[in-house]
Amino acid sequence: MARFDLTTGNPIKKIVFFSIPLVGGSFLQQLYNFLDTLIVGRLIGVHALAVIGAYYPLSFLILGFIQGTCVGFSIPLAQSVGDKNKRNIEAYLFNGIILCSFMAIILTPTMMIGSREILSP
């Protein structure tokens, strides 16, 4: 497997090449949201669609918190990749996986149990 080094070469070409999967993933996510809204709104009803709309901010809050924490690890990890410091790369990657997994394991059941109380008026 060829290695794609983002630290050398033309930065514009590297950024564009790197961003193609990100743009594609965002497009597919928006398509999913559109189709989900269409199917739920037409087949289940407007009340079900309202529930999805009410739950989305709470879901986004939790996912945003977890993603923000995980993205925080990308700064020292990226610096270590740029320095080609394999020891630090492994340490930051391992610690990030452990912390983010721990947060997901704790927050997922907590939100599943407490979502009714949080969403109640």
PDB file of N, CA and C in Angstrom:
ATOM      1  N   MET A   1       0.837  -1.177   0.000  1.00  0.00           N
ATOM      2  CA  MET A   1       0.000   0.000   0.000  1.00  0.00           C
ATOM      3  C   MET A   1       0.883   1.241   0.000  1.00  0.00           C
ATOM      4  N   ALA A   2       0.626   2.150  -0.913  1.00  0.00           N
ATOM      5  CA  ALA A   2       1.418   3.371  -1.009  1.00  0.00           C
ATOM      6  C   ALA A   2       1.049   4.316   0.126  1.00  0.00           C
ATOM      7  N   ARG A   3       2.027   5.011   0.623  1.00  0.00           N
ATOM      8  CA  ARG A   3       1.812   5.949   1.716  1.00  0.00           C
ATOM      9  C   ARG A   3       1.578   7.331   1.138  1.00  0.00           C
ATOM     10  N   PHE A   4       0.555   8.011   1.643  1.00  0.00           N
ATOM     11  CA  PHE A   4       0.216   9.351   1.187  1.00  0.00           C
ATOM     12  C   PHE A   4       0.677  10.335   2.245  1.00  0.00           C
ATOM     13  N   ASP A   5       1.780  11.029   1.983  1.00  0.00           N
ATOM     14  CA  ASP A   5       2.381  11.946   2.945  1.00  0.00           C
ATOM     15  C   ASP A   5       1.839  13.353   2.708  1.00  0.00           C
ATOM     16  N   LEU A   6       1.083  13.870   3.660  1.00  0.00           N
ATOM     17  CA  LEU A   6       0.507  15.210   3.541  1.00  0.00           C
ATOM     18  C   LEU A   6       1.485  16.314   3.923  1.00  0.00           C
ATOM     19  N   THR A   7       2.656  15.949   4.419  1.00  0.00           N
ATOM     20  CA  THR A   7       3.599  16.956   4.892  1.00  0.00           C
ATOM     21  C   THR A   7       4.589  17.410   3.825  1.00  0.00           C
ATOM     22  N   THR A   8       4.555  16.789   2.647  1.00  0.00           N
ATOM     23  CA  THR A   8       5.473  17.190   1.586  1.00  0.00           C
ATOM     24  C   THR A   8       4.698  17.406   0.294  1.00  0.00           C
ATOM     25  N   GLY A   9       5.254  18.207  -0.587  1.00  0.00           N
ATOM     26  CA  GLY A   9       4.626  18.433  -1.886  1.00  0.00           C
ATOM     27  C   GLY A   9       3.762  19.678  -1.907  1.00  0.00           C
ATOM     28  N   ASN A  10       2.971  19.800  -2.982  1.00  0.00           N
ATOM     29  CA  ASN A  10       2.106  20.954  -3.183  1.00  0.00           C
ATOM     30  C   ASN A  10       0.936  20.915  -2.195  1.00  0.00           C
ATOM     31  N   PRO A  11       0.859  21.907  -1.287  1.00  0.00           N
ATOM     32  CA  PRO A  11      -0.180  21.852  -0.258  1.00  0.00           C
ATOM     33  C   PRO A  11      -1.605  21.950  -0.822  1.00  0.00           C
ATOM     34  N   ILE A  12      -1.822  22.732  -1.865  1.00  0.00           N
ATOM     35  CA  ILE A  12      -3.167  22.883  -2.430  1.00  0.00           C
ATOM     36  C   ILE A  12      -3.666  21.543  -2.970  1.00  0.00           C
ATOM     37  N   LYS A  13      -2.829  20.845  -3.716  1.00  0.00           N
ATOM     38  CA  LYS A  13      -3.226  19.542  -4.255  1.00  0.00           C
ATOM     39  C   LYS A  13      -3.507  18.551  -3.136  1.00  0.00           C
ATOM     40  N   LYS A  14      -2.687  18.569  -2.097  1.00  0.00           N
ATOM     41  CA  LYS A  14      -2.875  17.650  -0.972  1.00  0.00           C
ATOM     42  C   LYS A  14      -4.183  17.951  -0.239  1.00  0.00           C
ATOM     43  N   ILE A  15      -4.476  19.230  -0.020  1.00  0.00           N
ATOM     44  CA  ILE A  15      -5.697  19.611   0.690  1.00  0.00           C
ATOM     45  C   ILE A  15      -6.935  19.237  -0.121  1.00  0.00           C
ATOM     46  N   VAL A  16      -6.900  19.502  -1.423  1.00  0.00           N
ATOM     47  CA  VAL A  16      -8.042  19.149  -2.273  1.00  0.00           C
ATOM     48  C   VAL A  16      -8.242  17.637  -2.285  1.00  0.00           C
ATOM     49  N   PHE A  17      -7.165  16.889  -2.445  1.00  0.00           N
ATOM     50  CA  PHE A  17      -7.264  15.425  -2.459  1.00  0.00           C
ATOM     51  C   PHE A  17      -7.781  14.898  -1.124  1.00  0.00           C
ATOM     52  N   PHE A  18      -7.335  15.496  -0.025  1.00  0.00           N
ATOM     53  CA  PHE A  18      -7.756  15.090   1.308  1.00  0.00           C
ATOM     54  C   PHE A  18      -9.217  15.442   1.563  1.00  0.00           C
ATOM     55  N   SER A  19      -9.696  16.553   0.987  1.00  0.00           N
ATOM     56  CA  SER A  19     -11.053  17.025   1.268  1.00  0.00           C
ATOM     57  C   SER A  19     -12.132  16.298   0.465  1.00  0.00           C
ATOM     58  N   ILE A  20     -11.767  15.608  -0.602  1.00  0.00           N
ATOM     59  CA  ILE A  20     -12.771  14.928  -1.438  1.00  0.00           C
ATOM     60  C   ILE A  20     -13.611  13.930  -0.617  1.00  0.00           C
ATOM     61  N   PRO A  21     -13.028  13.048   0.191  1.00  0.00           N
ATOM     62  CA  PRO A  21     -13.874  12.151   0.999  1.00  0.00           C
ATOM     63  C   PRO A  21     -14.716  12.903   2.030  1.00  0.00           C
ATOM     64  N   LEU A  22     -14.198  14.008   2.561  1.00  0.00           N
ATOM     65  CA  LEU A  22     -14.960  14.778   3.539  1.00  0.00           C
ATOM     66  C   LEU A  22     -16.194  15.401   2.903  1.00  0.00           C
ATOM     67  N   VAL A  23     -16.036  15.962   1.727  1.00  0.00           N
ATOM     68  CA  VAL A  23     -17.165  16.562   1.012  1.00  0.00           C
ATOM     69  C   VAL A  23     -18.162  15.472   0.617  1.00  0.00           C
ATOM     70  N   GLY A  24     -17.659  14.342   0.137  1.00  0.00           N
ATOM     71  CA  GLY A  24     -18.535  13.240  -0.229  1.00  0.00           C
ATOM     72  C   GLY A  24     -19.318  12.718   0.965  1.00  0.00           C
ATOM     73  N   GLY A  25     -18.662  12.587   2.108  1.00  0.00           N
ATOM     74  CA  GLY A  25     -19.337  12.135   3.316  1.00  0.00           C
ATOM     75  C   GLY A  25     -20.406  13.113   3.776  1.00  0.00           C
ATOM     76  N   SER A  26     -20.111  14.413   3.693  1.00  0.00           N
ATOM     77  CA  SER A  26     -21.104  15.428   4.064  1.00  0.00           C
ATOM     78  C   SER A  26     -22.307  15.386   3.129  1.00  0.00           C
ATOM     79  N   PHE A  27     -22.048  15.196   1.853  1.00  0.00           N
ATOM     80  CA  PHE A  27     -23.137  15.102   0.881  1.00  0.00           C
ATOM     81  C   PHE A  27     -24.030  13.897   1.187  1.00  0.00           C
ATOM     82  N   LEU A  28     -23.425  12.757   1.441  1.00  0.00           N
ATOM     83  CA  LEU A  28     -24.207  11.555   1.759  1.00  0.00           C
ATOM     84  C   LEU A  28     -24.984  11.715   3.060  1.00  0.00           C
ATOM     85  N   GLN A  29     -24.411  12.403   4.032  1.00  0.00           N
ATOM     86  CA  GLN A  29     -25.112  12.629   5.292  1.00  0.00           C
ATOM     87  C   GLN A  29     -26.323  13.532   5.076  1.00  0.00           C
ATOM     88  N   GLN A  30     -26.177  14.569   4.270  1.00  0.00           N
ATOM     89  CA  GLN A  30     -27.312  15.446   3.970  1.00  0.00           C
ATOM     90  C   GLN A  30     -28.386  14.703   3.178  1.00  0.00           C
ATOM     91  N   LEU A  31     -27.973  13.858   2.267  1.00  0.00           N
ATOM     92  CA  LEU A  31     -28.922  13.046   1.505  1.00  0.00           C
ATOM     93  C   LEU A  31     -29.689  12.114   2.440  1.00  0.00           C
ATOM     94  N   TYR A  32     -28.996  11.506   3.381  1.00  0.00           N
ATOM     95  CA  TYR A  32     -29.653  10.638   4.363  1.00  0.00           C
ATOM     96  C   TYR A  32     -30.670  11.427   5.177  1.00  0.00           C
ATOM     97  N   ASN A  33     -30.284  12.615   5.669  1.00  0.00           N
ATOM     98  CA  ASN A  33     -31.205  13.435   6.456  1.00  0.00           C
ATOM     99  C   ASN A  33     -32.435  13.821   5.647  1.00  0.00           C
ATOM    100  N   PHE A  34     -32.247  14.165   4.388  1.00  0.00           N
ATOM    101  CA  PHE A  34     -33.358  14.535   3.520  1.00  0.00           C
ATOM    102  C   PHE A  34     -34.303  13.344   3.329  1.00  0.00           C
ATOM    103  N   LEU A  35     -33.744  12.198   3.017  1.00  0.00           N
ATOM    104  CA  LEU A  35     -34.576  11.011   2.792  1.00  0.00           C
ATOM    105  C   LEU A  35     -35.259  10.558   4.082  1.00  0.00           C
ATOM    106  N   ASP A  36     -34.568  10.672   5.201  1.00  0.00           N
ATOM    107  CA  ASP A  36     -35.156  10.327   6.484  1.00  0.00           C
ATOM    108  C   ASP A  36     -36.362  11.213   6.775  1.00  0.00           C
ATOM    109  N   THR A  37     -36.224  12.500   6.554  1.00  0.00           N
ATOM    110  CA  THR A  37     -37.321  13.437   6.761  1.00  0.00           C
ATOM    111  C   THR A  37     -38.484  13.127   5.828  1.00  0.00           C
ATOM    112  N   LEU A  38     -38.174  12.850   4.598  1.00  0.00           N
ATOM    113  CA  LEU A  38     -39.213  12.539   3.610  1.00  0.00           C
ATOM    114  C   LEU A  38     -39.974  11.268   3.993  1.00  0.00           C
ATOM    115  N   ILE A  39     -39.254  10.225   4.346  1.00  0.00           N
ATOM    116  CA  ILE A  39     -39.891   8.942   4.678  1.00  0.00           C
ATOM    117  C   ILE A  39     -40.682   9.043   5.983  1.00  0.00           C
ATOM    118  N   VAL A  40     -40.088   9.603   7.009  1.00  0.00           N
ATOM    119  CA  VAL A  40     -40.780   9.703   8.291  1.00  0.00           C
ATOM    120  C   VAL A  40     -41.996  10.617   8.167  1.00  0.00           C
ATOM    121  N   GLY A  41     -41.834  11.756   7.515  1.00  0.00           N
ATOM    122  CA  GLY A  41     -42.946  12.700   7.376  1.00  0.00           C
ATOM    123  C   GLY A  41     -44.109  12.138   6.595  1.00  0.00           C
ATOM    124  N   ARG A  42     -43.852  11.380   5.558  1.00  0.00           N
ATOM    125  CA  ARG A  42     -44.928  10.851   4.713  1.00  0.00           C
ATOM    126  C   ARG A  42     -45.493   9.527   5.210  1.00  0.00           C
ATOM    127  N   LEU A  43     -44.658   8.644   5.734  1.00  0.00           N
ATOM    128  CA  LEU A  43     -45.137   7.324   6.110  1.00  0.00           C
ATOM    129  C   LEU A  43     -45.604   7.238   7.562  1.00  0.00           C
ATOM    130  N   ILE A  44     -44.932   7.936   8.456  1.00  0.00           N
ATOM    131  CA  ILE A  44     -45.287   7.827   9.869  1.00  0.00           C
ATOM    132  C   ILE A  44     -46.159   9.004  10.300  1.00  0.00           C
ATOM    133  N   GLY A  45     -45.822  10.204   9.859  1.00  0.00           N
ATOM    134  CA  GLY A  45     -46.647  11.358  10.182  1.00  0.00           C
ATOM    135  C   GLY A  45     -45.853  12.532  10.708  1.00  0.00           C
ATOM    136  N   VAL A  46     -46.564  13.644  10.823  1.00  0.00           N
ATOM    137  CA  VAL A  46     -45.908  14.883  11.224  1.00  0.00           C
ATOM    138  C   VAL A  46     -45.479  14.857  12.691  1.00  0.00           C
ATOM    139  N   HIS A  47     -46.190  14.108  13.534  1.00  0.00           N
ATOM    140  CA  HIS A  47     -45.802  14.032  14.952  1.00  0.00           C
ATOM    141  C   HIS A  47     -44.459  13.320  15.109  1.00  0.00           C
ATOM    142  N   ALA A  48     -44.254  12.267  14.346  1.00  0.00           N
ATOM    143  CA  ALA A  48     -42.968  11.562  14.386  1.00  0.00           C
ATOM    144  C   ALA A  48     -41.854  12.464  13.869  1.00  0.00           C
ATOM    145  N   LEU A  49     -42.167  13.243  12.850  1.00  0.00           N
ATOM    146  CA  LEU A  49     -41.185  14.183  12.314  1.00  0.00           C
ATOM    147  C   LEU A  49     -40.851  15.260  13.344  1.00  0.00           C
ATOM    148  N   ALA A  50     -41.862  15.688  14.109  1.00  0.00           N
ATOM    149  CA  ALA A  50     -41.632  16.676  15.169  1.00  0.00           C
ATOM    150  C   ALA A  50     -40.740  16.110  16.266  1.00  0.00           C
ATOM    151  N   VAL A  51     -40.913  14.829  16.575  1.00  0.00           N
ATOM    152  CA  VAL A  51     -40.071  14.191  17.596  1.00  0.00           C
ATOM    153  C   VAL A  51     -38.615  14.159  17.141  1.00  0.00           C
ATOM    154  N   ILE A  52     -38.416  13.826  15.883  1.00  0.00           N
ATOM    155  CA  ILE A  52     -37.047  13.822  15.345  1.00  0.00           C
ATOM    156  C   ILE A  52     -36.453  15.219  15.416  1.00  0.00           C
ATOM    157  N   GLY A  53     -37.242  16.221  15.072  1.00  0.00           N
ATOM    158  CA  GLY A  53     -36.766  17.608  15.137  1.00  0.00           C
ATOM    159  C   GLY A  53     -36.453  18.052  16.548  1.00  0.00           C
ATOM    160  N   ALA A  54     -37.219  17.570  17.527  1.00  0.00           N
ATOM    161  CA  ALA A  54     -36.973  17.943  18.926  1.00  0.00           C
ATOM    162  C   ALA A  54     -35.750  17.236  19.487  1.00  0.00           C
ATOM    163  N   TYR A  55     -35.505  16.023  19.041  1.00  0.00           N
ATOM    164  CA  TYR A  55     -34.395  15.244  19.579  1.00  0.00           C
ATOM    165  C   TYR A  55     -33.056  15.627  18.948  1.00  0.00           C
ATOM    166  N   TYR A  56     -33.072  16.154  17.741  1.00  0.00           N
ATOM    167  CA  TYR A  56     -31.824  16.439  17.018  1.00  0.00           C
ATOM    168  C   TYR A  56     -30.869  17.343  17.801  1.00  0.00           C
ATOM    169  N   PRO A  57     -31.323  18.462  18.381  1.00  0.00           N
ATOM    170  CA  PRO A  57     -30.354  19.311  19.112  1.00  0.00           C
ATOM    171  C   PRO A  57     -29.675  18.586  20.265  1.00  0.00           C
ATOM    172  N   LEU A  58     -30.423  17.745  20.962  1.00  0.00           N
ATOM    173  CA  LEU A  58     -29.829  16.987  22.064  1.00  0.00           C
ATOM    174  C   LEU A  58     -28.791  15.997  21.538  1.00  0.00           C
ATOM    175  N   SER A  59     -29.140  15.311  20.483  1.00  0.00           N
ATOM    176  CA  SER A  59     -28.211  14.366  19.863  1.00  0.00           C
ATOM    177  C   SER A  59     -26.961  15.089  19.367  1.00  0.00           C
ATOM    178  N   PHE A  60     -27.155  16.232  18.741  1.00  0.00           N
ATOM    179  CA  PHE A  60     -26.021  17.009  18.225  1.00  0.00           C
ATOM    180  C   PHE A  60     -25.134  17.501  19.364  1.00  0.00           C
ATOM    181  N   LEU A  61     -25.742  17.864  20.495  1.00  0.00           N
ATOM    182  CA  LEU A  61     -24.965  18.324  21.646  1.00  0.00           C
ATOM    183  C   LEU A  61     -24.027  17.233  22.141  1.00  0.00           C
ATOM    184  N   ILE A  62     -24.547  16.032  22.290  1.00  0.00           N
ATOM    185  CA  ILE A  62     -23.735  14.933  22.796  1.00  0.00           C
ATOM    186  C   ILE A  62     -22.665  14.543  21.784  1.00  0.00           C
ATOM    187  N   LEU A  63     -23.077  14.362  20.526  1.00  0.00           N
ATOM    188  CA  LEU A  63     -22.096  13.988  19.499  1.00  0.00           C
ATOM    189  C   LEU A  63     -21.047  15.082  19.312  1.00  0.00           C
ATOM    190  N   GLY A  64     -21.478  16.342  19.375  1.00  0.00           N
ATOM    191  CA  GLY A  64     -20.531  17.453  19.247  1.00  0.00           C
ATOM    192  C   GLY A  64     -19.528  17.481  20.386  1.00  0.00           C
ATOM    193  N   PHE A  65     -19.981  17.164  21.574  1.00  0.00           N
ATOM    194  CA  PHE A  65     -19.081  17.124  22.724  1.00  0.00           C
ATOM    195  C   PHE A  65     -18.038  16.032  22.564  1.00  0.00           C
ATOM    196  N   ILE A  66     -18.490  14.851  22.152  1.00  0.00           N
ATOM    197  CA  ILE A  66     -17.561  13.738  21.956  1.00  0.00           C
ATOM    198  C   ILE A  66     -16.608  14.033  20.805  1.00  0.00           C
ATOM    199  N   GLN A  67     -17.140  14.536  19.695  1.00  0.00           N
ATOM    200  CA  GLN A  67     -16.287  14.842  18.539  1.00  0.00           C
ATOM    201  C   GLN A  67     -15.300  15.962  18.859  1.00  0.00           C
ATOM    202  N   GLY A  68     -15.750  16.965  19.602  1.00  0.00           N
ATOM    203  CA  GLY A  68     -14.844  18.059  19.979  1.00  0.00           C
ATOM    204  C   GLY A  68     -13.678  17.571  20.813  1.00  0.00           C
ATOM    205  N   THR A  69     -13.957  16.672  21.729  1.00  0.00           N
ATOM    206  CA  THR A  69     -12.886  16.104  22.546  1.00  0.00           C
ATOM    207  C   THR A  69     -11.924  15.305  21.681  1.00  0.00           C
ATOM    208  N   CYS A  70     -12.479  14.525  20.777  1.00  0.00           N
ATOM    209  CA  CYS A  70     -11.628  13.712  19.902  1.00  0.00           C
ATOM    210  C   CYS A  70     -10.799  14.588  18.966  1.00  0.00           C
ATOM    211  N   VAL A  71     -11.391  15.656  18.469  1.00  0.00           N
ATOM    212  CA  VAL A  71     -10.666  16.560  17.580  1.00  0.00           C
ATOM    213  C   VAL A  71      -9.530  17.251  18.336  1.00  0.00           C
ATOM    214  N   GLY A  72      -9.727  17.458  19.636  1.00  0.00           N
ATOM    215  CA  GLY A  72      -8.661  18.048  20.441  1.00  0.00           C
ATOM    216  C   GLY A  72      -7.383  17.222  20.415  1.00  0.00           C
ATOM    217  N   PHE A  73      -7.524  15.931  20.265  1.00  0.00           N
ATOM    218  CA  PHE A  73      -6.348  15.067  20.167  1.00  0.00           C
ATOM    219  C   PHE A  73      -5.657  15.197  18.810  1.00  0.00           C
ATOM    220  N   SER A  74      -6.354  15.725  17.819  1.00  0.00           N
ATOM    221  CA  SER A  74      -5.757  15.808  16.485  1.00  0.00           C
ATOM    222  C   SER A  74      -4.622  16.826  16.418  1.00  0.00           C
ATOM    223  N   ILE A  75      -4.632  17.814  17.294  1.00  0.00           N
ATOM    224  CA  ILE A  75      -3.573  18.840  17.249  1.00  0.00           C
ATOM    225  C   ILE A  75      -2.219  18.248  17.620  1.00  0.00           C
ATOM    226  N   PRO A  76      -2.061  17.665  18.820  1.00  0.00           N
ATOM    227  CA  PRO A  76      -0.744  17.074  19.110  1.00  0.00           C
ATOM    228  C   PRO A  76      -0.435  15.877  18.220  1.00  0.00           C
ATOM    229  N   LEU A  77      -1.475  15.147  17.797  1.00  0.00           N
ATOM    230  CA  LEU A  77      -1.244  14.018  16.897  1.00  0.00           C
ATOM    231  C   LEU A  77      -0.702  14.513  15.557  1.00  0.00           C
ATOM    232  N   ALA A  78      -1.292  15.571  15.018  1.00  0.00           N
ATOM    233  CA  ALA A  78      -0.813  16.125  13.746  1.00  0.00           C
ATOM    234  C   ALA A  78       0.610  16.662  13.878  1.00  0.00           C
ATOM    235  N   GLN A  79       0.911  17.283  15.004  1.00  0.00           N
ATOM    236  CA  GLN A  79       2.270  17.775  15.214  1.00  0.00           C
ATOM    237  C   GLN A  79       3.261  16.616  15.273  1.00  0.00           C
ATOM    238  N   SER A  80       2.868  15.538  15.893  1.00  0.00           N
ATOM    239  CA  SER A  80       3.749  14.364  15.973  1.00  0.00           C
ATOM    240  C   SER A  80       3.929  13.714  14.610  1.00  0.00           C
ATOM    241  N   VAL A  81       2.861  13.693  13.808  1.00  0.00           N
ATOM    242  CA  VAL A  81       2.982  13.151  12.450  1.00  0.00           C
ATOM    243  C   VAL A  81       3.932  14.017  11.640  1.00  0.00           C
ATOM    244  N   GLY A  82       3.800  15.340  11.768  1.00  0.00           N
ATOM    245  CA  GLY A  82       4.701  16.248  11.061  1.00  0.00           C
ATOM    246  C   GLY A  82       6.147  16.084  11.482  1.00  0.00           C
ATOM    247  N   ASP A  83       6.354  15.827  12.769  1.00  0.00           N
ATOM    248  CA  ASP A  83       7.709  15.602  13.287  1.00  0.00           C
ATOM    249  C   ASP A  83       8.208  14.189  13.011  1.00  0.00           C
ATOM    250  N   LYS A  84       7.293  13.310  12.530  1.00  0.00           N
ATOM    251  CA  LYS A  84       7.599  11.900  12.289  1.00  0.00           C
ATOM    252  C   LYS A  84       8.087  11.209  13.566  1.00  0.00           C
ATOM    253  N   ASN A  85       7.443  11.586  14.695  1.00  0.00           N
ATOM    254  CA  ASN A  85       7.763  11.030  16.003  1.00  0.00           C
ATOM    255  C   ASN A  85       6.804   9.871  16.271  1.00  0.00           C
ATOM    256  N   LYS A  86       7.223   8.662  15.937  1.00  0.00           N
ATOM    257  CA  LYS A  86       6.361   7.486  16.011  1.00  0.00           C
ATOM    258  C   LYS A  86       5.898   7.205  17.439  1.00  0.00           C
ATOM    259  N   ARG A  87       6.742   7.417  18.394  1.00  0.00           N
ATOM    260  CA  ARG A  87       6.383   7.154  19.798  1.00  0.00           C
ATOM    261  C   ARG A  87       5.220   8.043  20.238  1.00  0.00           C
ATOM    262  N   ASN A  88       5.294   9.334  19.934  1.00  0.00           N
ATOM    263  CA  ASN A  88       4.213  10.254  20.302  1.00  0.00           C
ATOM    264  C   ASN A  88       2.943   9.991  19.488  1.00  0.00           C
ATOM    265  N   ILE A  89       3.102   9.629  18.223  1.00  0.00           N
ATOM    266  CA  ILE A  89       1.933   9.306  17.393  1.00  0.00           C
ATOM    267  C   ILE A  89       1.148   8.179  18.042  1.00  0.00           C
ATOM    268  N   GLU A  90       1.832   7.120  18.403  1.00  0.00           N
ATOM    269  CA  GLU A  90       1.166   5.969  19.025  1.00  0.00           C
ATOM    270  C   GLU A  90       0.539   6.352  20.357  1.00  0.00           C
ATOM    271  N   ALA A  91       1.229   7.163  21.147  1.00  0.00           N
ATOM    272  CA  ALA A  91       0.706   7.557  22.461  1.00  0.00           C
ATOM    273  C   ALA A  91      -0.548   8.417  22.318  1.00  0.00           C
ATOM    274  N   TYR A  92      -0.515   9.439  21.457  1.00  0.00           N
ATOM    275  CA  TYR A  92      -1.681  10.306  21.284  1.00  0.00           C
ATOM    276  C   TYR A  92      -2.851   9.540  20.680  1.00  0.00           C
ATOM    277  N   LEU A  93      -2.567   8.680  19.733  1.00  0.00           N
ATOM    278  CA  LEU A  93      -3.627   7.896  19.108  1.00  0.00           C
ATOM    279  C   LEU A  93      -4.270   6.951  20.122  1.00  0.00           C
ATOM    280  N   PHE A  94      -3.461   6.251  20.892  1.00  0.00           N
ATOM    281  CA  PHE A  94      -3.975   5.328  21.907  1.00  0.00           C
ATOM    282  C   PHE A  94      -4.794   6.074  22.958  1.00  0.00           C
ATOM    283  N   ASN A  95      -4.254   7.183  23.469  1.00  0.00           N
ATOM    284  CA  ASN A  95      -4.973   7.952  24.495  1.00  0.00           C
ATOM    285  C   ASN A  95      -6.275   8.524  23.953  1.00  0.00           C
ATOM    286  N   GLY A  96      -6.263   8.984  22.716  1.00  0.00           N
ATOM    287  CA  GLY A  96      -7.484   9.504  22.107  1.00  0.00           C
ATOM    288  C   GLY A  96      -8.552   8.443  21.948  1.00  0.00           C
ATOM    289  N   ILE A  97      -8.152   7.273  21.510  1.00  0.00           N
ATOM    290  CA  ILE A  97      -9.112   6.172  21.353  1.00  0.00           C
ATOM    291  C   ILE A  97      -9.690   5.777  22.703  1.00  0.00           C
ATOM    292  N   ILE A  98      -8.853   5.675  23.711  1.00  0.00           N
ATOM    293  CA  ILE A  98      -9.323   5.292  25.051  1.00  0.00           C
ATOM    294  C   ILE A  98     -10.282   6.340  25.609  1.00  0.00           C
ATOM    295  N   LEU A  99      -9.905   7.611  25.567  1.00  0.00           N
ATOM    296  CA  LEU A  99     -10.756   8.656  26.137  1.00  0.00           C
ATOM    297  C   LEU A  99     -12.079   8.778  25.391  1.00  0.00           C
ATOM    298  N   CYS A 100     -12.041   8.777  24.079  1.00  0.00           N
ATOM    299  CA  CYS A 100     -13.264   8.922  23.289  1.00  0.00           C
ATOM    300  C   CYS A 100     -14.166   7.699  23.447  1.00  0.00           C
ATOM    301  N   SER A 101     -13.596   6.523  23.528  1.00  0.00           N
ATOM    302  CA  SER A 101     -14.394   5.320  23.765  1.00  0.00           C
ATOM    303  C   SER A 101     -15.031   5.369  25.154  1.00  0.00           C
ATOM    304  N   PHE A 102     -14.273   5.791  26.128  1.00  0.00           N
ATOM    305  CA  PHE A 102     -14.797   5.909  27.486  1.00  0.00           C
ATOM    306  C   PHE A 102     -15.958   6.903  27.528  1.00  0.00           C
ATOM    307  N   MET A 103     -15.796   8.044  26.875  1.00  0.00           N
ATOM    308  CA  MET A 103     -16.869   9.041  26.853  1.00  0.00           C
ATOM    309  C   MET A 103     -18.109   8.487  26.166  1.00  0.00           C
ATOM    310  N   ALA A 104     -17.929   7.794  25.067  1.00  0.00           N
ATOM    311  CA  ALA A 104     -19.073   7.223  24.353  1.00  0.00           C
ATOM    312  C   ALA A 104     -19.762   6.159  25.198  1.00  0.00           C
ATOM    313  N   ILE A 105     -18.985   5.345  25.887  1.00  0.00           N
ATOM    314  CA  ILE A 105     -19.561   4.283  26.726  1.00  0.00           C
ATOM    315  C   ILE A 105     -20.333   4.876  27.904  1.00  0.00           C
ATOM    316  N   ILE A 106     -19.865   5.979  28.445  1.00  0.00           N
ATOM    317  CA  ILE A 106     -20.553   6.620  29.575  1.00  0.00           C
ATOM    318  C   ILE A 106     -21.749   7.445  29.091  1.00  0.00           C
ATOM    319  N   LEU A 107     -21.567   8.252  28.077  1.00  0.00           N
ATOM    320  CA  LEU A 107     -22.628   9.170  27.649  1.00  0.00           C
ATOM    321  C   LEU A 107     -23.784   8.489  26.927  1.00  0.00           C
ATOM    322  N   THR A 108     -23.532   7.429  26.196  1.00  0.00           N
ATOM    323  CA  THR A 108     -24.616   6.783  25.447  1.00  0.00           C
ATOM    324  C   THR A 108     -25.702   6.238  26.371  1.00  0.00           C
ATOM    325  N   PRO A 109     -25.377   5.379  27.347  1.00  0.00           N
ATOM    326  CA  PRO A 109     -26.463   4.907  28.223  1.00  0.00           C
ATOM    327  C   PRO A 109     -27.051   6.022  29.086  1.00  0.00           C
ATOM    328  N   THR A 110     -26.228   6.974  29.498  1.00  0.00           N
ATOM    329  CA  THR A 110     -26.732   8.077  30.308  1.00  0.00           C
ATOM    330  C   THR A 110     -27.797   8.858  29.545  1.00  0.00           C
ATOM    331  N   MET A 111     -27.531   9.143  28.284  1.00  0.00           N
ATOM    332  CA  MET A 111     -28.502   9.894  27.485  1.00  0.00           C
ATOM    333  C   MET A 111     -29.706   9.039  27.127  1.00  0.00           C
ATOM    334  N   MET A 112     -29.517   7.750  26.936  1.00  0.00           N
ATOM    335  CA  MET A 112     -30.657   6.881  26.651  1.00  0.00           C
ATOM    336  C   MET A 112     -31.599   6.832  27.859  1.00  0.00           C
ATOM    337  N   ILE A 113     -31.037   6.795  29.052  1.00  0.00           N
ATOM    338  CA  ILE A 113     -31.851   6.747  30.263  1.00  0.00           C
ATOM    339  C   ILE A 113     -32.476   8.111  30.554  1.00  0.00           C
ATOM    340  N   GLY A 114     -31.718   9.182  30.374  1.00  0.00           N
ATOM    341  CA  GLY A 114     -32.200  10.498  30.754  1.00  0.00           C
ATOM    342  C   GLY A 114     -32.856  11.320  29.673  1.00  0.00           C
ATOM    343  N   SER A 115     -32.951  10.814  28.462  1.00  0.00           N
ATOM    344  CA  SER A 115     -33.482  11.639  27.367  1.00  0.00           C
ATOM    345  C   SER A 115     -34.944  12.014  27.572  1.00  0.00           C
ATOM    346  N   ARG A 116     -35.744  11.129  28.141  1.00  0.00           N
ATOM    347  CA  ARG A 116     -37.161  11.447  28.370  1.00  0.00           C
ATOM    348  C   ARG A 116     -37.296  12.651  29.297  1.00  0.00           C
ATOM    349  N   GLU A 117     -36.519  12.665  30.383  1.00  0.00           N
ATOM    350  CA  GLU A 117     -36.588  13.785  31.322  1.00  0.00           C
ATOM    351  C   GLU A 117     -36.047  15.067  30.710  1.00  0.00           C
ATOM    352  N   ILE A 118     -35.014  14.947  29.913  1.00  0.00           N
ATOM    353  CA  ILE A 118     -34.416  16.138  29.304  1.00  0.00           C
ATOM    354  C   ILE A 118     -35.356  16.736  28.274  1.00  0.00           C
ATOM    355  N   LEU A 119     -36.068  15.913  27.502  1.00  0.00           N
ATOM    356  CA  LEU A 119     -36.927  16.392  26.437  1.00  0.00           C
ATOM    357  C   LEU A 119     -38.332  16.770  26.898  1.00  0.00           C
ATOM    358  N   SER A 120     -38.699  16.392  28.131  1.00  0.00           N
ATOM    359  CA  SER A 120     -40.035  16.732  28.640  1.00  0.00           C
ATOM    360  C   SER A 120     -40.127  18.222  28.920  1.00  0.00           C
ATOM    361  N   PRO A 121     -41.302  18.829  28.635  1.00  0.00           N
ATOM    362  CA  PRO A 121     -41.464  20.281  28.901  1.00  0.00           C
ATOM    363  C   PRO A 121     -41.550  20.578  30.385  1.00  0.00           C
TER     364      PRO A 121
END
